[in-house]
C-alpha atoms as a PDB file:
ATOM      1  CA  UNK A   1     -23.971   1.770   1.584  1.00  0.00           C
ATOM      2  CA  UNK A   2     -20.946   2.468   3.787  1.00  0.00           C
ATOM      3  CA  UNK A   3     -17.559   1.462   2.443  1.00  0.00           C
ATOM      4  CA  UNK A   4     -14.275   1.784   4.325  1.00  0.00           C
ATOM      5  CA  UNK A   5     -11.108   2.085   2.346  1.00  0.00           C
ATOM      6  CA  UNK A   6      -7.507   2.089   3.503  1.00  0.00           C
ATOM      7  CA  UNK A   7      -3.910   2.328   2.403  1.00  0.00           C
ATOM      8  CA  UNK A   8      -0.990   0.937   4.397  1.00  0.00           C
ATOM      9  CA  UNK A   9       2.758   0.542   3.759  1.00  0.00           C
ATOM     10  CA  UNK A  10       3.327  -2.680   5.865  1.00  0.00           C
ATOM     11  CA  UNK A  11       7.198  -2.267   5.918  1.00  0.00           C
ATOM     12  CA  UNK A  12       8.825  -5.404   4.421  1.00  0.00           C
ATOM     13  CA  UNK A  13       6.101  -7.980   4.644  1.00  0.00           C
ATOM     14  CA  UNK A  14       8.055 -10.971   3.485  1.00  0.00           C
ATOM     15  CA  UNK A  15       7.838 -14.713   3.511  1.00  0.00           C
ATOM     16  CA  UNK A  16      10.894 -16.818   4.504  1.00  0.00           C
ATOM     17  CA  UNK A  17      11.911 -20.292   3.870  1.00  0.00           C
ATOM     18  CA  UNK A  18      12.448 -22.470   6.869  1.00  0.00           C
ATOM     19  CA  UNK A  19      12.930 -26.249   7.010  1.00  0.00           C
ATOM     20  CA  UNK A  20      10.700 -28.512   8.986  1.00  0.00           C
ATOM     21  CA  UNK A  21      12.316 -29.590  12.210  1.00  0.00           C
ATOM     22  CA  UNK A  22      14.542 -32.719  12.041  1.00  0.00           C
ATOM     23  CA  UNK A  23      14.648 -32.644   8.243  1.00  0.00           C
ATOM     24  CA  UNK A  24      18.034 -32.665   6.513  1.00  0.00           C
ATOM     25  CA  UNK A  25      17.895 -29.993   3.818  1.00  0.00           C
ATOM     26  CA  UNK A  26      20.458 -31.861   1.665  1.00  0.00           C
ATOM     27  CA  UNK A  27      17.897 -34.584   1.122  1.00  0.00           C
ATOM     28  CA  UNK A  28      15.823 -32.203  -0.918  1.00  0.00           C
ATOM     29  CA  UNK A  29      18.534 -30.645  -3.104  1.00  0.00           C
ATOM     30  CA  UNK A  30      19.129 -31.470  -6.685  1.00  0.00           C
ATOM     31  CA  UNK A  31      22.856 -31.247  -6.382  1.00  0.00           C
ATOM     32  CA  UNK A  32      23.001 -27.633  -7.403  1.00  0.00           C
ATOM     33  CA  UNK A  33      21.625 -26.226  -4.211  1.00  0.00           C
ATOM     34  CA  UNK A  34      18.028 -26.016  -5.527  1.00  0.00           C
ATOM     35  CA  UNK A  35      15.146 -27.261  -3.308  1.00  0.00           C
ATOM     36  CA  UNK A  36      13.152 -29.956  -5.176  1.00  0.00           C
ATOM     37  CA  UNK A  37      10.663 -31.071  -2.575  1.00  0.00           C
ATOM     38  CA  UNK A  38       8.335 -29.546   0.034  1.00  0.00           C
ATOM     39  CA  UNK A  39      10.658 -30.669   2.739  1.00  0.00           C
ATOM     40  CA  UNK A  40      10.971 -26.881   3.043  1.00  0.00           C
ATOM     41  CA  UNK A  41       7.768 -25.005   3.757  1.00  0.00           C
ATOM     42  CA  UNK A  42       7.029 -21.394   3.256  1.00  0.00           C
ATOM     43  CA  UNK A  43       6.160 -19.533   6.400  1.00  0.00           C
ATOM     44  CA  UNK A  44       6.600 -16.192   8.035  1.00  0.00           C
ATOM     45  CA  UNK A  45       9.976 -15.740   9.665  1.00  0.00           C
ATOM     46  CA  UNK A  46       9.498 -16.528  13.356  1.00  0.00           C
ATOM     47  CA  UNK A  47      11.525 -13.529  14.376  1.00  0.00           C
ATOM     48  CA  UNK A  48       8.965 -11.248  12.809  1.00  0.00           C
ATOM     49  CA  UNK A  49       5.934 -13.042  14.365  1.00  0.00           C
ATOM     50  CA  UNK A  50       5.064 -10.297  16.900  1.00  0.00           C
ATOM     51  CA  UNK A  51       5.737  -7.587  14.427  1.00  0.00           C
ATOM     52  CA  UNK A  52       3.372  -9.125  11.896  1.00  0.00           C
ATOM     53  CA  UNK A  53       0.703  -9.446  14.547  1.00  0.00           C
ATOM     54  CA  UNK A  54       1.135  -5.779  15.290  1.00  0.00           C
ATOM     55  CA  UNK A  55       0.943  -4.953  11.536  1.00  0.00           C
ATOM     56  CA  UNK A  56      -2.378  -6.773  11.452  1.00  0.00           C
ATOM     57  CA  UNK A  57      -3.707  -4.829  14.531  1.00  0.00           C
ATOM     58  CA  UNK A  58      -3.673  -1.687  12.480  1.00  0.00           C
ATOM     59  CA  UNK A  59      -5.873  -3.209   9.870  1.00  0.00           C
ATOM     60  CA  UNK A  60      -8.124  -5.111  12.226  1.00  0.00           C
ATOM     61  CA  UNK A  61      -8.766  -1.993  14.298  1.00  0.00           C
ATOM     62  CA  UNK A  62     -10.475  -0.353  11.386  1.00  0.00           C
ATOM     63  CA  UNK A  63     -12.029  -3.266   9.653  1.00  0.00           C
ATOM     64  CA  UNK A  64     -11.813  -1.932   6.062  1.00  0.00           C
ATOM     65  CA  UNK A  65     -13.808  -3.367   3.268  1.00  0.00           C
ATOM     66  CA  UNK A  66     -10.710  -2.950   1.024  1.00  0.00           C
ATOM     67  CA  UNK A  67      -7.115  -2.004   1.794  1.00  0.00           C
ATOM     68  CA  UNK A  68      -4.305  -1.203  -0.579  1.00  0.00           C
ATOM     69  CA  UNK A  69      -0.959  -2.427   0.756  1.00  0.00           C
ATOM     70  CA  UNK A  70       2.679  -1.746  -0.080  1.00  0.00           C
ATOM     71  CA  UNK A  71       5.847  -3.716   0.485  1.00  0.00           C
ATOM     72  CA  UNK A  72       4.340  -7.159   0.086  1.00  0.00           C
ATOM     73  CA  UNK A  73       6.718  -9.780  -1.167  1.00  0.00           C
ATOM     74  CA  UNK A  74       4.309 -11.770  -3.352  1.00  0.00           C
ATOM     75  CA  UNK A  75       0.772 -13.227  -3.666  1.00  0.00           C
ATOM     76  CA  UNK A  76       1.439 -16.090  -1.304  1.00  0.00           C
ATOM     77  CA  UNK A  77       2.625 -13.637   1.318  1.00  0.00           C
ATOM     78  CA  UNK A  78      -0.549 -11.633   0.927  1.00  0.00           C
ATOM     79  CA  UNK A  79      -2.761 -14.724   1.217  1.00  0.00           C
ATOM     80  CA  UNK A  80      -0.948 -16.029   4.323  1.00  0.00           C
ATOM     81  CA  UNK A  81      -1.112 -12.620   6.003  1.00  0.00           C
ATOM     82  CA  UNK A  82      -4.784 -12.473   5.401  1.00  0.00           C
ATOM     83  CA  UNK A  83      -5.427 -16.071   6.565  1.00  0.00           C
ATOM     84  CA  UNK A  84      -3.043 -16.225   9.593  1.00  0.00           C
ATOM     85  CA  UNK A  85      -3.033 -12.667  10.843  1.00  0.00           C
ATOM     86  CA  UNK A  86      -6.259 -10.975   9.563  1.00  0.00           C
ATOM     87  CA  UNK A  87      -8.567 -13.893  10.455  1.00  0.00           C
ATOM     88  CA  UNK A  88      -9.380 -14.407   6.768  1.00  0.00           C
ATOM     89  CA  UNK A  89     -11.516 -11.280   6.705  1.00  0.00           C
ATOM     90  CA  UNK A  90     -10.861 -10.621   3.045  1.00  0.00           C
ATOM     91  CA  UNK A  91     -12.232 -12.947   0.432  1.00  0.00           C
ATOM     92  CA  UNK A  92     -10.203 -11.451  -2.452  1.00  0.00           C
ATOM     93  CA  UNK A  93      -6.521 -10.802  -2.815  1.00  0.00           C
ATOM     94  CA  UNK A  94      -4.619  -9.342  -5.785  1.00  0.00           C
ATOM     95  CA  UNK A  95      -0.931  -8.723  -6.428  1.00  0.00           C
ATOM     96  CA  UNK A  96       1.253  -8.765  -9.544  1.00  0.00           C
ATOM     97  CA  UNK A  97       4.962  -9.154  -9.024  1.00  0.00           C
ATOM     98  CA  UNK A  98       6.541  -5.849 -10.142  1.00  0.00           C
ATOM     99  CA  UNK A  99       9.963  -4.560 -10.941  1.00  0.00           C
ATOM    100  CA  UNK A 100      11.547  -3.850  -7.571  1.00  0.00           C
ATOM    101  CA  UNK A 101      14.823  -5.724  -6.840  1.00  0.00           C
ATOM    102  CA  UNK A 102      13.850  -5.920  -3.200  1.00  0.00           C
ATOM    103  CA  UNK A 103      10.741  -7.808  -4.348  1.00  0.00           C
ATOM    104  CA  UNK A 104       8.328  -5.401  -2.607  1.00  0.00           C
ATOM    105  CA  UNK A 105       5.060  -5.146  -4.421  1.00  0.00           C
ATOM    106  CA  UNK A 106       1.672  -3.422  -4.140  1.00  0.00           C
ATOM    107  CA  UNK A 107      -1.361  -5.581  -3.313  1.00  0.00           C
ATOM    108  CA  UNK A 108      -5.038  -5.340  -2.617  1.00  0.00           C
ATOM    109  CA  UNK A 109      -7.179  -7.114  -0.048  1.00  0.00           C
ATOM    110  CA  UNK A 110     -10.941  -6.793  -0.434  1.00  0.00           C
ATOM    111  CA  UNK A 111     -14.231  -8.113   0.781  1.00  0.00           C
ATOM    112  CA  UNK A 112     -15.587  -7.144  -2.641  1.00  0.00           C
ATOM    113  CA  UNK A 113     -14.799  -9.071  -5.772  1.00  0.00           C
ATOM    114  CA  UNK A 114     -11.758  -7.752  -7.613  1.00  0.00           C
ATOM    115  CA  UNK A 115     -12.105  -7.620 -11.385  1.00  0.00           C
ATOM    116  CA  UNK A 116     -10.665  -5.861 -14.459  1.00  0.00           C
ATOM    117  CA  UNK A 117      -7.124  -6.122 -13.116  1.00  0.00           C
ATOM    118  CA  UNK A 118      -4.515  -4.437 -15.169  1.00  0.00           C
ATOM    119  CA  UNK A 119      -0.751  -4.140 -14.439  1.00  0.00           C
ATOM    120  CA  UNK A 120       1.376  -1.173 -15.559  1.00  0.00           C
ATOM    121  CA  UNK A 121       4.700  -2.768 -14.621  1.00  0.00           C
ATOM    122  CA  UNK A 122       5.731  -2.931 -18.326  1.00  0.00           C
ATOM    123  CA  UNK A 123       4.975   0.794 -19.015  1.00  0.00           C
ATOM    124  CA  UNK A 124       8.030   2.533 -20.477  1.00  0.00           C
ATOM    125  CA  UNK A 125       9.212   5.901 -21.561  1.00  0.00           C
ATOM    126  CA  UNK A 126      12.456   7.052 -23.236  1.00  0.00           C
ATOM    127  CA  UNK A 127      14.406   6.421 -19.984  1.00  0.00           C
ATOM    128  CA  UNK A 128      13.142   2.853 -19.485  1.00  0.00           C
ATOM    129  CA  UNK A 129      10.576   1.164 -17.230  1.00  0.00           C
ATOM    130  CA  UNK A 130       8.541   3.749 -15.278  1.00  0.00           C
ATOM    131  CA  UNK A 131       7.313   2.001 -12.198  1.00  0.00           C
ATOM    132  CA  UNK A 132       9.624   0.634  -9.597  1.00  0.00           C
ATOM    133  CA  UNK A 133       6.767  -1.512  -8.403  1.00  0.00           C
ATOM    134  CA  UNK A 134       3.523  -1.033 -10.255  1.00  0.00           C
ATOM    135  CA  UNK A 135       0.491   1.066 -10.688  1.00  0.00           C
ATOM    136  CA  UNK A 136      -1.998  -1.848 -10.054  1.00  0.00           C
ATOM    137  CA  UNK A 137      -5.415  -1.109 -11.555  1.00  0.00           C
ATOM    138  CA  UNK A 138      -8.456  -3.071 -10.291  1.00  0.00           C
ATOM    139  CA  UNK A 139     -12.186  -2.619 -10.249  1.00  0.00           C
ATOM    140  CA  UNK A 140     -14.227  -3.624  -7.182  1.00  0.00           C
ATOM    141  CA  UNK A 141     -17.652  -5.196  -7.921  1.00  0.00           C
ATOM    142  CA  UNK A 142     -20.893  -4.968  -6.126  1.00  0.00           C
ATOM    143  CA  UNK A 143     -22.914  -8.162  -5.468  1.00  0.00           C
ATOM    144  CA  UNK A 144     -24.861  -7.514  -8.689  1.00  0.00           C
ATOM    145  CA  UNK A 145     -21.755  -7.254 -10.791  1.00  0.00           C
ATOM    146  CA  UNK A 146     -21.737  -3.481 -11.224  1.00  0.00           C
ATOM    147  CA  UNK A 147     -18.476  -1.630 -10.576  1.00  0.00           C
ATOM    148  CA  UNK A 148     -18.373  -0.049  -7.142  1.00  0.00           C
ATOM    149  CA  UNK A 149     -15.215   1.888  -7.827  1.00  0.00           C
ATOM    150  CA  UNK A 150     -11.790   1.448  -9.474  1.00  0.00           C
ATOM    151  CA  UNK A 151      -8.524   1.449  -7.564  1.00  0.00           C
ATOM    152  CA  UNK A 152      -5.060   2.579  -8.753  1.00  0.00           C
ATOM    153  CA  UNK A 153      -2.667   1.170  -6.109  1.00  0.00           C
ATOM    154  CA  UNK A 154       0.822   2.706  -6.112  1.00  0.00           C
ATOM    155  CA  UNK A 155       4.119   2.767  -4.301  1.00  0.00           C
ATOM    156  CA  UNK A 156       6.308   5.514  -5.961  1.00  0.00           C
ATOM    157  CA  UNK A 157      10.077   5.667  -5.850  1.00  0.00           C
ATOM    158  CA  UNK A 158      11.640   6.283  -2.457  1.00  0.00           C
ATOM    159  CA  UNK A 159      14.242   8.945  -1.745  1.00  0.00           C
ATOM    160  CA  UNK A 160      16.836   6.199  -1.016  1.00  0.00           C
ATOM    161  CA  UNK A 161      19.247   4.518  -3.420  1.00  0.00           C
ATOM    162  CA  UNK A 162      20.173   7.650  -5.430  1.00  0.00           C
ATOM    163  CA  UNK A 163      20.538  11.366  -5.344  1.00  0.00           C
ATOM    164  CA  UNK A 164      17.652  13.640  -4.389  1.00  0.00           C
ATOM    165  CA  UNK A 165      17.526  14.824  -8.003  1.00  0.00           C
ATOM    166  CA  UNK A 166      17.512  11.360  -9.465  1.00  0.00           C
ATOM    167  CA  UNK A 167      14.921   9.851  -7.093  1.00  0.00           C
ATOM    168  CA  UNK A 168      12.732  12.926  -7.468  1.00  0.00           C
ATOM    169  CA  UNK A 169      12.865  12.725 -11.268  1.00  0.00           C
ATOM    170  CA  UNK A 170      11.821   9.036 -11.059  1.00  0.00           C
ATOM    171  CA  UNK A 171       8.874   9.879  -8.858  1.00  0.00           C
ATOM    172  CA  UNK A 172       7.897  12.695 -11.224  1.00  0.00           C
ATOM    173  CA  UNK A 173       7.946  10.314 -14.172  1.00  0.00           C
ATOM    174  CA  UNK A 174       5.739   7.860 -12.129  1.00  0.00           C
ATOM    175  CA  UNK A 175       3.332  10.668 -11.122  1.00  0.00           C
ATOM    176  CA  UNK A 176       3.037  11.786 -14.706  1.00  0.00           C
ATOM    177  CA  UNK A 177       2.361   8.272 -15.841  1.00  0.00           C
ATOM    178  CA  UNK A 178      -0.367   7.649 -13.180  1.00  0.00           C
ATOM    179  CA  UNK A 179      -2.100  10.884 -14.335  1.00  0.00           C
ATOM    180  CA  UNK A 180      -1.763   9.749 -17.900  1.00  0.00           C
ATOM    181  CA  UNK A 181      -3.330   6.422 -17.087  1.00  0.00           C
ATOM    182  CA  UNK A 182      -6.335   8.144 -15.557  1.00  0.00           C
ATOM    183  CA  UNK A 183      -6.681  10.369 -18.610  1.00  0.00           C
ATOM    184  CA  UNK A 184      -6.363   7.411 -20.975  1.00  0.00           C
ATOM    185  CA  UNK A 185      -9.020   5.509 -18.990  1.00  0.00           C
ATOM    186  CA  UNK A 186     -11.539   8.256 -18.506  1.00  0.00           C
ATOM    187  CA  UNK A 187     -10.613  11.201 -20.755  1.00  0.00           C
ATOM    188  CA  UNK A 188     -12.905  14.234 -20.359  1.00  0.00           C
ATOM    189  CA  UNK A 189     -15.148  12.164 -18.004  1.00  0.00           C
ATOM    190  CA  UNK A 190     -12.453  11.835 -15.297  1.00  0.00           C
ATOM    191  CA  UNK A 191     -14.270  14.319 -13.061  1.00  0.00           C
ATOM    192  CA  UNK A 192     -17.398  12.198 -13.240  1.00  0.00           C
ATOM    193  CA  UNK A 193     -15.678   8.796 -12.694  1.00  0.00           C
ATOM    194  CA  UNK A 194     -15.571   6.914  -9.443  1.00  0.00           C
ATOM    195  CA  UNK A 195     -11.990   5.909  -8.657  1.00  0.00           C
ATOM    196  CA  UNK A 196      -9.302   6.276  -5.921  1.00  0.00           C
ATOM    197  CA  UNK A 197      -5.557   6.584  -6.417  1.00  0.00           C
ATOM    198  CA  UNK A 198      -3.953   5.159  -3.226  1.00  0.00           C
ATOM    199  CA  UNK A 199      -0.564   4.428  -1.831  1.00  0.00           C
ATOM    200  CA  UNK A 200       2.792   5.452  -0.628  1.00  0.00           C
ATOM    201  CA  UNK A 201       3.973   8.315  -2.843  1.00  0.00           C
ATOM    202  CA  UNK A 202       7.219   8.840  -0.846  1.00  0.00           C
ATOM    203  CA  UNK A 203       6.988  12.621  -0.987  1.00  0.00           C
ATOM    204  CA  UNK A 204       5.061  15.581   0.513  1.00  0.00           C
ATOM    205  CA  UNK A 205       2.031  17.290  -1.057  1.00  0.00           C
ATOM    206  CA  UNK A 206       3.963  20.395  -1.904  1.00  0.00           C
ATOM    207  CA  UNK A 207       6.735  18.474  -3.774  1.00  0.00           C
ATOM    208  CA  UNK A 208       7.128  19.529  -7.390  1.00  0.00           C
ATOM    209  CA  UNK A 209       7.778  15.914  -8.236  1.00  0.00           C
ATOM    210  CA  UNK A 210       4.200  14.948  -7.282  1.00  0.00           C
ATOM    211  CA  UNK A 211       2.496  18.054  -8.878  1.00  0.00           C
ATOM    212  CA  UNK A 212       1.810  16.205 -12.220  1.00  0.00           C
ATOM    213  CA  UNK A 213      -0.635  14.034 -10.197  1.00  0.00           C
ATOM    214  CA  UNK A 214      -1.639  16.079  -7.163  1.00  0.00           C
ATOM    215  CA  UNK A 215      -2.283  19.137  -9.315  1.00  0.00           C
ATOM    216  CA  UNK A 216      -5.019  17.494 -11.409  1.00  0.00           C
ATOM    217  CA  UNK A 217      -8.555  18.891 -11.077  1.00  0.00           C
ATOM    218  CA  UNK A 218     -10.153  15.448 -11.107  1.00  0.00           C
ATOM    219  CA  UNK A 219      -8.828  14.265  -7.727  1.00  0.00           C
ATOM    220  CA  UNK A 220      -8.655  15.389  -4.056  1.00  0.00           C
ATOM    221  CA  UNK A 221      -6.088  14.551  -1.516  1.00  0.00           C
ATOM    222  CA  UNK A 222      -8.553  13.898   1.344  1.00  0.00           C
ATOM    223  CA  UNK A 223      -5.838  14.005   4.009  1.00  0.00           C
ATOM    224  CA  UNK A 224      -5.837  17.794   3.427  1.00  0.00           C
ATOM    225  CA  UNK A 225      -9.362  17.853   5.002  1.00  0.00           C
ATOM    226  CA  UNK A 226      -7.580  17.406   8.348  1.00  0.00           C
ATOM    227  CA  UNK A 227      -5.971  20.262  10.307  1.00  0.00           C
ATOM    228  CA  UNK A 228      -2.454  20.840   8.971  1.00  0.00           C
ATOM    229  CA  UNK A 229      -0.793  19.509  12.075  1.00  0.00           C
ATOM    230  CA  UNK A 230      -2.753  16.237  11.843  1.00  0.00           C
ATOM    231  CA  UNK A 231      -1.878  15.359   8.277  1.00  0.00           C
ATOM    232  CA  UNK A 232       1.421  13.529   8.738  1.00  0.00           C
ATOM    233  CA  UNK A 233       1.834   9.859   8.008  1.00  0.00           C
ATOM    234  CA  UNK A 234       5.512   9.410   8.390  1.00  0.00           C
ATOM    235  CA  UNK A 235       8.239  10.763  10.756  1.00  0.00           C
ATOM    236  CA  UNK A 236      11.938  10.249  10.991  1.00  0.00           C
ATOM    237  CA  UNK A 237      12.407  12.717  13.809  1.00  0.00           C
ATOM    238  CA  UNK A 238      10.335  14.733  16.254  1.00  0.00           C
ATOM    239  CA  UNK A 239      10.846  17.833  14.169  1.00  0.00           C
ATOM    240  CA  UNK A 240      10.126  16.305  10.782  1.00  0.00           C
ATOM    241  CA  UNK A 241       6.584  15.054  10.063  1.00  0.00           C
ATOM    242  CA  UNK A 242       5.084  14.821   6.578  1.00  0.00           C
ATOM    243  CA  UNK A 243       2.401  13.158   4.570  1.00  0.00           C
ATOM    244  CA  UNK A 244       3.696  10.625   2.162  1.00  0.00           C
ATOM    245  CA  UNK A 245       0.786   8.163   2.162  1.00  0.00           C
ATOM    246  CA  UNK A 246      -2.316   9.109   0.168  1.00  0.00           C
ATOM    247  CA  UNK A 247      -5.930   8.477  -0.680  1.00  0.00           C
ATOM    248  CA  UNK A 248      -6.808  10.598  -3.787  1.00  0.00           C
ATOM    249  CA  UNK A 249     -10.583  10.490  -4.336  1.00  0.00           C
ATOM    250  CA  UNK A 250     -11.951  11.233  -7.733  1.00  0.00           C
ATOM    251  CA  UNK A 251     -13.910  14.497  -7.915  1.00  0.00           C
ATOM    252  CA  UNK A 252     -17.191  12.530  -8.057  1.00  0.00           C
ATOM    253  CA  UNK A 253     -16.456  10.518  -4.925  1.00  0.00           C
ATOM    254  CA  UNK A 254     -15.046  13.531  -3.089  1.00  0.00           C
ATOM    255  CA  UNK A 255     -18.296  15.495  -3.883  1.00  0.00           C
ATOM    256  CA  UNK A 256     -20.483  12.697  -2.758  1.00  0.00           C
ATOM    257  CA  UNK A 257     -18.501  12.443   0.529  1.00  0.00           C
ATOM    258  CA  UNK A 258     -17.833  16.096   1.386  1.00  0.00           C
ATOM    259  CA  UNK A 259     -18.020  15.516   5.110  1.00  0.00           C
ATOM    260  CA  UNK A 260     -15.980  12.332   5.212  1.00  0.00           C
ATOM    261  CA  UNK A 261     -12.711  12.676   7.161  1.00  0.00           C
ATOM    262  CA  UNK A 262      -9.758  10.331   6.911  1.00  0.00           C
ATOM    263  CA  UNK A 263      -8.360   8.633   9.937  1.00  0.00           C
ATOM    264  CA  UNK A 264      -4.569   8.346  10.244  1.00  0.00           C
ATOM    265  CA  UNK A 265      -3.601   5.448  12.462  1.00  0.00           C
ATOM    266  CA  UNK A 266      -0.468   6.185  14.519  1.00  0.00           C
ATOM    267  CA  UNK A 267      -0.827   3.629  17.290  1.00  0.00           C
ATOM    268  CA  UNK A 268       1.424   1.169  15.465  1.00  0.00           C
ATOM    269  CA  UNK A 269       4.530   3.406  15.449  1.00  0.00           C
ATOM    270  CA  UNK A 270       7.507   2.364  17.554  1.00  0.00           C
ATOM    271  CA  UNK A 271       8.282   4.453  20.582  1.00  0.00           C
ATOM    272  CA  UNK A 272      11.337   5.908  18.856  1.00  0.00           C
ATOM    273  CA  UNK A 273       8.953   8.086  16.842  1.00  0.00           C
ATOM    274  CA  UNK A 274       8.784  11.041  19.240  1.00  0.00           C
ATOM    275  CA  UNK A 275       6.491  13.030  16.976  1.00  0.00           C
ATOM    276  CA  UNK A 276       3.624  10.883  18.285  1.00  0.00           C
ATOM    277  CA  UNK A 277       2.851  11.080  21.922  1.00  0.00           C
ATOM    278  CA  UNK A 278      -0.541   9.243  22.043  1.00  0.00           C
ATOM    279  CA  UNK A 279      -1.317   5.686  23.115  1.00  0.00           C
ATOM    280  CA  UNK A 280       0.054   2.718  21.207  1.00  0.00           C
ATOM    281  CA  UNK A 281      -1.258  -0.736  20.546  1.00  0.00           C
ATOM    282  CA  UNK A 282      -0.312  -3.549  22.873  1.00  0.00           C
ATOM    283  CA  UNK A 283       3.003  -4.999  21.935  1.00  0.00           C
ATOM    284  CA  UNK A 284       4.322  -1.827  20.240  1.00  0.00           C
ATOM    285  CA  UNK A 285       7.546  -0.570  21.713  1.00  0.00           C
ATOM    286  CA  UNK A 286      11.191  -0.504  20.478  1.00  0.00           C
ATOM    287  CA  UNK A 287      12.512  -1.156  16.961  1.00  0.00           C
ATOM    288  CA  UNK A 288      11.373  -4.429  15.649  1.00  0.00           C
ATOM    289  CA  UNK A 289       7.967  -4.320  17.264  1.00  0.00           C
ATOM    290  CA  UNK A 290       6.416  -1.565  15.190  1.00  0.00           C
ATOM    291  CA  UNK A 291       3.452  -2.362  12.945  1.00  0.00           C
ATOM    292  CA  UNK A 292       5.176  -0.274  10.331  1.00  0.00           C
ATOM    293  CA  UNK A 293       7.321   2.797   9.902  1.00  0.00           C
ATOM    294  CA  UNK A 294       4.286   4.323   8.121  1.00  0.00           C
ATOM    295  CA  UNK A 295       0.837   5.291   9.295  1.00  0.00           C
ATOM    296  CA  UNK A 296      -2.164   3.725   7.606  1.00  0.00           C
ATOM    297  CA  UNK A 297      -4.885   5.994   6.247  1.00  0.00           C
ATOM    298  CA  UNK A 298      -8.547   5.007   6.310  1.00  0.00           C
ATOM    299  CA  UNK A 299     -11.700   6.709   5.170  1.00  0.00           C
ATOM    300  CA  UNK A 300     -15.358   5.647   5.298  1.00  0.00           C
ATOM    301  CA  UNK A 301     -17.316   6.574   2.155  1.00  0.00           C
ATOM    302  CA  UNK A 302     -21.003   6.602   1.468  1.00  0.00           C
ATOM    303  CA  UNK A 303     -21.503   4.803  -1.838  1.00  0.00           C
END
């Protein structure tokens, strides 16, 4: 069977509270400024309407069976995005609110049943909580109930909000913990297991901070199957392009799909990104119209 998998940092996919027209918000307060009635409804901010449509274009253009998403505010956001912008293509949605003060979480949308969900948001080491968001673990099930594969969805610490040394050390702790989770789950059988580690790792493949994960013999960074100049998923300037979004296939899955090449979707980038000179989706132009500041990565597997 053919199975298409993707990962995509959607860049601040939030819900916003907005009051129904002609409704006095004070009528629904408890005296302390708290809303006590559904006089306020949850909905996407109207200002972001076109941008959210553009975000959806990236996913709809590739019609994945499952996609791991980053920077999702909460489960309701994920459900509404699927229903209102993705035409309800995904039957299953999963997200666990993590640790990020910006309330950006990792989530999964899938046409296959999601089971065996496990959060790692509480994992700690001597320095404290490890994951800024989560390493969300979930199994995808076939129609007969057998496990198709297991996902480990991630969004590692960014390079912002701290020194390069401090943020790098945080990413390294997270990379080490993801590798440890795989080892705890599969042990010596990791090379024979069927799993994918996906997400925004916020660093390049040659970063020493990611080496505890990328250097493991049981997984392959499939983006490296592309020519070197085609591997980038993020660009701040014309002269700086790098891969920071990943699909790591387990050795078993990689061996079964030796000829499978990933697709990096760049048509959703704003026109300010001069590193990309190809066509863009309709509606993509200046800041505020981009699908995301990241490129999505997709791959079709034969399972």
